Amino acid sequence: LRLAAVLHLAMWLVLAAIPMMQPELNLGAIYYIGLIAVAVLLIRQHWIVNPKDLSRVNEAFFTLNAIISFGFTLIAAVDSCLR
């Protein structure tokens, strides 16, 4: 679980750096709102699973990861196309 948290943080930092590293994508406010939503979902993912109770791992791993990956891709695409 600690490794997952470290990797999620690294992934979030990379997503946060994309607008600075690729200014030609023209990402703006919608992207940053999506980035905040990703952070909230990642925090929830780590909140609902603890080492003593792994009964919610499927919700955390499958459901929330699917929402994050599909939702954020959609948000980034919409933001990029609206500019």
N, C-alpha and C. Protein backbone atom coordinates (compact mmCIF):
# COMPACT_ATOMS: atom_id res chain seq x y z
N LEU A 1 0.81 -1.20 0.00
CA LEU A 1 0.00 0.00 0.00
C LEU A 1 0.85 1.26 0.00
N ARG A 2 1.98 1.20 0.68
CA ARG A 2 2.88 2.37 0.67
C ARG A 2 3.46 2.60 -0.72
N LEU A 3 3.85 1.51 -1.37
CA LEU A 3 4.39 1.64 -2.73
C LEU A 3 3.32 2.22 -3.66
N ALA A 4 2.09 1.77 -3.52
CA ALA A 4 1.00 2.30 -4.35
C ALA A 4 0.84 3.80 -4.10
N ALA A 5 0.93 4.21 -2.86
CA ALA A 5 0.80 5.64 -2.53
C ALA A 5 1.93 6.45 -3.16
N VAL A 6 3.15 5.94 -3.10
CA VAL A 6 4.30 6.64 -3.69
C VAL A 6 4.13 6.73 -5.20
N LEU A 7 3.71 5.65 -5.83
CA LEU A 7 3.52 5.66 -7.28
C LEU A 7 2.36 6.56 -7.70
N HIS A 8 1.30 6.58 -6.90
CA HIS A 8 0.20 7.49 -7.21
C HIS A 8 0.64 8.95 -7.10
N LEU A 9 1.42 9.26 -6.10
CA LEU A 9 1.93 10.62 -5.95
C LEU A 9 2.82 10.99 -7.14
N ALA A 10 3.69 10.08 -7.54
CA ALA A 10 4.56 10.33 -8.70
C ALA A 10 3.74 10.55 -9.96
N MET A 11 2.71 9.74 -10.15
CA MET A 11 1.84 9.89 -11.32
C MET A 11 1.15 11.24 -11.29
N TRP A 12 0.65 11.65 -10.12
CA TRP A 12 -0.05 12.93 -10.01
C TRP A 12 0.90 14.09 -10.30
N LEU A 13 2.13 13.99 -9.83
CA LEU A 13 3.10 15.05 -10.09
C LEU A 13 3.44 15.15 -11.57
N VAL A 14 3.51 14.03 -12.25
CA VAL A 14 3.75 14.04 -13.69
C VAL A 14 2.56 14.70 -14.41
N LEU A 15 1.34 14.33 -14.02
CA LEU A 15 0.16 14.96 -14.63
C LEU A 15 0.15 16.47 -14.38
N ALA A 16 0.57 16.88 -13.19
CA ALA A 16 0.62 18.30 -12.87
C ALA A 16 1.68 19.03 -13.68
N ALA A 17 2.74 18.34 -14.06
CA ALA A 17 3.83 18.97 -14.81
C ALA A 17 3.55 19.04 -16.32
N ILE A 18 2.62 18.27 -16.82
CA ILE A 18 2.37 18.22 -18.26
C ILE A 18 2.08 19.59 -18.87
N PRO A 19 1.21 20.41 -18.27
CA PRO A 19 0.95 21.72 -18.90
C PRO A 19 2.20 22.60 -19.00
N MET A 20 3.12 22.45 -18.06
CA MET A 20 4.35 23.25 -18.11
C MET A 20 5.34 22.69 -19.13
N MET A 21 5.36 21.37 -19.27
CA MET A 21 6.30 20.73 -20.19
C MET A 21 5.80 20.73 -21.63
N GLN A 22 4.49 20.82 -21.82
CA GLN A 22 3.88 20.80 -23.15
C GLN A 22 2.91 21.96 -23.32
N PRO A 23 3.41 23.19 -23.35
CA PRO A 23 2.50 24.35 -23.43
C PRO A 23 1.66 24.37 -24.71
N GLU A 24 2.12 23.69 -25.76
CA GLU A 24 1.36 23.68 -27.01
C GLU A 24 0.03 22.92 -26.88
N LEU A 25 -0.15 22.17 -25.80
CA LEU A 25 -1.43 21.48 -25.59
C LEU A 25 -2.53 22.44 -25.16
N ASN A 26 -2.14 23.63 -24.72
CA ASN A 26 -3.11 24.66 -24.31
C ASN A 26 -4.06 24.18 -23.23
N LEU A 27 -3.54 23.52 -22.22
CA LEU A 27 -4.38 23.04 -21.12
C LEU A 27 -4.62 24.18 -20.14
N GLY A 28 -5.85 24.27 -19.66
CA GLY A 28 -6.20 25.39 -18.78
C GLY A 28 -6.96 24.95 -17.55
N ALA A 29 -7.97 25.75 -17.21
CA ALA A 29 -8.70 25.58 -15.96
C ALA A 29 -9.38 24.22 -15.85
N ILE A 30 -9.96 23.75 -16.94
CA ILE A 30 -10.64 22.45 -16.88
C ILE A 30 -9.65 21.35 -16.53
N TYR A 31 -8.47 21.40 -17.09
CA TYR A 31 -7.43 20.42 -16.78
C TYR A 31 -7.09 20.44 -15.30
N TYR A 32 -6.93 21.64 -14.76
CA TYR A 32 -6.55 21.75 -13.34
C TYR A 32 -7.68 21.31 -12.41
N ILE A 33 -8.91 21.55 -12.80
CA ILE A 33 -10.05 21.04 -12.03
C ILE A 33 -10.03 19.51 -12.05
N GLY A 34 -9.75 18.93 -13.21
CA GLY A 34 -9.62 17.48 -13.32
C GLY A 34 -8.48 16.95 -12.48
N LEU A 35 -7.39 17.70 -12.43
CA LEU A 35 -6.24 17.30 -11.62
C LEU A 35 -6.59 17.27 -10.13
N ILE A 36 -7.38 18.24 -9.70
CA ILE A 36 -7.86 18.24 -8.31
C ILE A 36 -8.77 17.05 -8.06
N ALA A 37 -9.65 16.75 -9.01
CA ALA A 37 -10.54 15.59 -8.88
C ALA A 37 -9.74 14.30 -8.78
N VAL A 38 -8.68 14.19 -9.57
CA VAL A 38 -7.82 13.00 -9.50
C VAL A 38 -7.20 12.88 -8.11
N ALA A 39 -6.73 13.99 -7.56
CA ALA A 39 -6.13 13.97 -6.23
C ALA A 39 -7.16 13.50 -5.19
N VAL A 40 -8.38 14.00 -5.29
CA VAL A 40 -9.43 13.60 -4.35
C VAL A 40 -9.72 12.11 -4.47
N LEU A 41 -9.83 11.62 -5.70
CA LEU A 41 -10.11 10.19 -5.90
C LEU A 41 -8.95 9.31 -5.42
N LEU A 42 -7.73 9.76 -5.62
CA LEU A 42 -6.58 8.99 -5.13
C LEU A 42 -6.56 8.96 -3.60
N ILE A 43 -6.87 10.07 -2.99
CA ILE A 43 -6.93 10.09 -1.53
C ILE A 43 -8.03 9.15 -1.04
N ARG A 44 -9.18 9.19 -1.69
CA ARG A 44 -10.27 8.27 -1.33
C ARG A 44 -9.83 6.82 -1.50
N GLN A 45 -9.13 6.55 -2.57
CA GLN A 45 -8.67 5.20 -2.83
C GLN A 45 -7.80 4.68 -1.69
N HIS A 46 -6.94 5.51 -1.17
CA HIS A 46 -6.07 5.08 -0.08
C HIS A 46 -6.78 5.13 1.27
N TRP A 47 -7.83 5.92 1.35
CA TRP A 47 -8.60 6.04 2.58
C TRP A 47 -9.43 4.78 2.84
N ILE A 48 -10.01 4.21 1.78
CA ILE A 48 -10.93 3.08 1.98
C ILE A 48 -10.24 1.74 2.15
N VAL A 49 -8.95 1.67 1.86
CA VAL A 49 -8.22 0.41 2.02
C VAL A 49 -7.16 0.59 3.10
N ASN A 50 -7.15 -0.33 4.04
CA ASN A 50 -6.07 -0.32 5.03
C ASN A 50 -5.53 -1.73 5.18
N PRO A 51 -4.32 -1.87 5.70
CA PRO A 51 -3.68 -3.19 5.77
C PRO A 51 -4.46 -4.23 6.57
N LYS A 52 -5.28 -3.78 7.50
CA LYS A 52 -6.04 -4.73 8.34
C LYS A 52 -7.36 -5.14 7.71
N ASP A 53 -7.83 -4.38 6.74
CA ASP A 53 -9.10 -4.68 6.09
C ASP A 53 -8.96 -4.43 4.59
N LEU A 54 -8.75 -5.49 3.86
CA LEU A 54 -8.56 -5.38 2.40
C LEU A 54 -9.85 -5.68 1.63
N SER A 55 -10.98 -5.66 2.31
CA SER A 55 -12.24 -6.03 1.67
C SER A 55 -12.67 -5.05 0.58
N ARG A 56 -12.14 -3.84 0.59
CA ARG A 56 -12.54 -2.85 -0.40
C ARG A 56 -11.47 -2.61 -1.47
N VAL A 57 -10.55 -3.54 -1.58
CA VAL A 57 -9.49 -3.40 -2.58
C VAL A 57 -10.07 -3.37 -3.99
N ASN A 58 -11.06 -4.21 -4.27
CA ASN A 58 -11.64 -4.22 -5.62
C ASN A 58 -12.24 -2.87 -5.98
N GLU A 59 -12.96 -2.26 -5.03
CA GLU A 59 -13.53 -0.93 -5.30
C GLU A 59 -12.41 0.08 -5.55
N ALA A 60 -11.39 0.03 -4.72
CA ALA A 60 -10.30 0.99 -4.84
C ALA A 60 -9.52 0.76 -6.13
N PHE A 61 -9.19 -0.49 -6.39
CA PHE A 61 -8.32 -0.77 -7.53
C PHE A 61 -9.06 -0.67 -8.86
N PHE A 62 -10.15 -1.38 -8.99
CA PHE A 62 -10.82 -1.43 -10.28
C PHE A 62 -11.71 -0.22 -10.53
N THR A 63 -12.60 0.07 -9.63
CA THR A 63 -13.58 1.13 -9.87
C THR A 63 -12.94 2.50 -9.91
N LEU A 64 -12.21 2.86 -8.87
CA LEU A 64 -11.64 4.21 -8.82
C LEU A 64 -10.57 4.42 -9.87
N ASN A 65 -9.75 3.42 -10.14
CA ASN A 65 -8.74 3.57 -11.19
C ASN A 65 -9.39 3.75 -12.56
N ALA A 66 -10.49 3.05 -12.80
CA ALA A 66 -11.19 3.21 -14.07
C ALA A 66 -11.78 4.61 -14.19
N ILE A 67 -12.36 5.11 -13.11
CA ILE A 67 -12.92 6.47 -13.12
C ILE A 67 -11.82 7.49 -13.36
N ILE A 68 -10.70 7.31 -12.67
CA ILE A 68 -9.59 8.25 -12.82
C ILE A 68 -9.05 8.24 -14.25
N SER A 69 -8.75 7.06 -14.77
CA SER A 69 -8.12 7.01 -16.09
C SER A 69 -9.05 7.48 -17.19
N PHE A 70 -10.28 7.01 -17.21
CA PHE A 70 -11.22 7.43 -18.26
C PHE A 70 -11.62 8.89 -18.08
N GLY A 71 -11.97 9.25 -16.86
CA GLY A 71 -12.43 10.61 -16.59
C GLY A 71 -11.38 11.67 -16.87
N PHE A 72 -10.16 11.42 -16.42
CA PHE A 72 -9.13 12.43 -16.62
C PHE A 72 -8.71 12.53 -18.08
N THR A 73 -8.68 11.42 -18.78
CA THR A 73 -8.39 11.47 -20.21
C THR A 73 -9.45 12.30 -20.94
N LEU A 74 -10.70 12.09 -20.59
CA LEU A 74 -11.79 12.84 -21.19
C LEU A 74 -11.67 14.33 -20.87
N ILE A 75 -11.38 14.65 -19.62
CA ILE A 75 -11.25 16.05 -19.20
C ILE A 75 -10.09 16.72 -19.94
N ALA A 76 -8.95 16.05 -20.03
CA ALA A 76 -7.80 16.63 -20.73
C ALA A 76 -8.11 16.85 -22.20
N ALA A 77 -8.80 15.90 -22.83
CA ALA A 77 -9.15 16.03 -24.25
C ALA A 77 -10.12 17.20 -24.46
N VAL A 78 -11.12 17.29 -23.60
CA VAL A 78 -12.10 18.39 -23.73
C VAL A 78 -11.40 19.72 -23.55
N ASP A 79 -10.55 19.84 -22.53
CA ASP A 79 -9.87 21.09 -22.28
C ASP A 79 -8.97 21.48 -23.45
N SER A 80 -8.28 20.51 -24.00
CA SER A 80 -7.39 20.77 -25.13
C SER A 80 -8.18 21.19 -26.38
N CYS A 81 -9.34 20.59 -26.59
CA CYS A 81 -10.14 20.90 -27.79
C CYS A 81 -10.87 22.23 -27.67
N LEU A 82 -11.14 22.69 -26.47
CA LEU A 82 -11.88 23.93 -26.29
C LEU A 82 -11.02 25.17 -26.49
N ARG A 83 -9.77 25.01 -26.66
CA ARG A 83 -8.88 26.16 -26.82
C ARG A 83 -8.60 26.44 -28.27
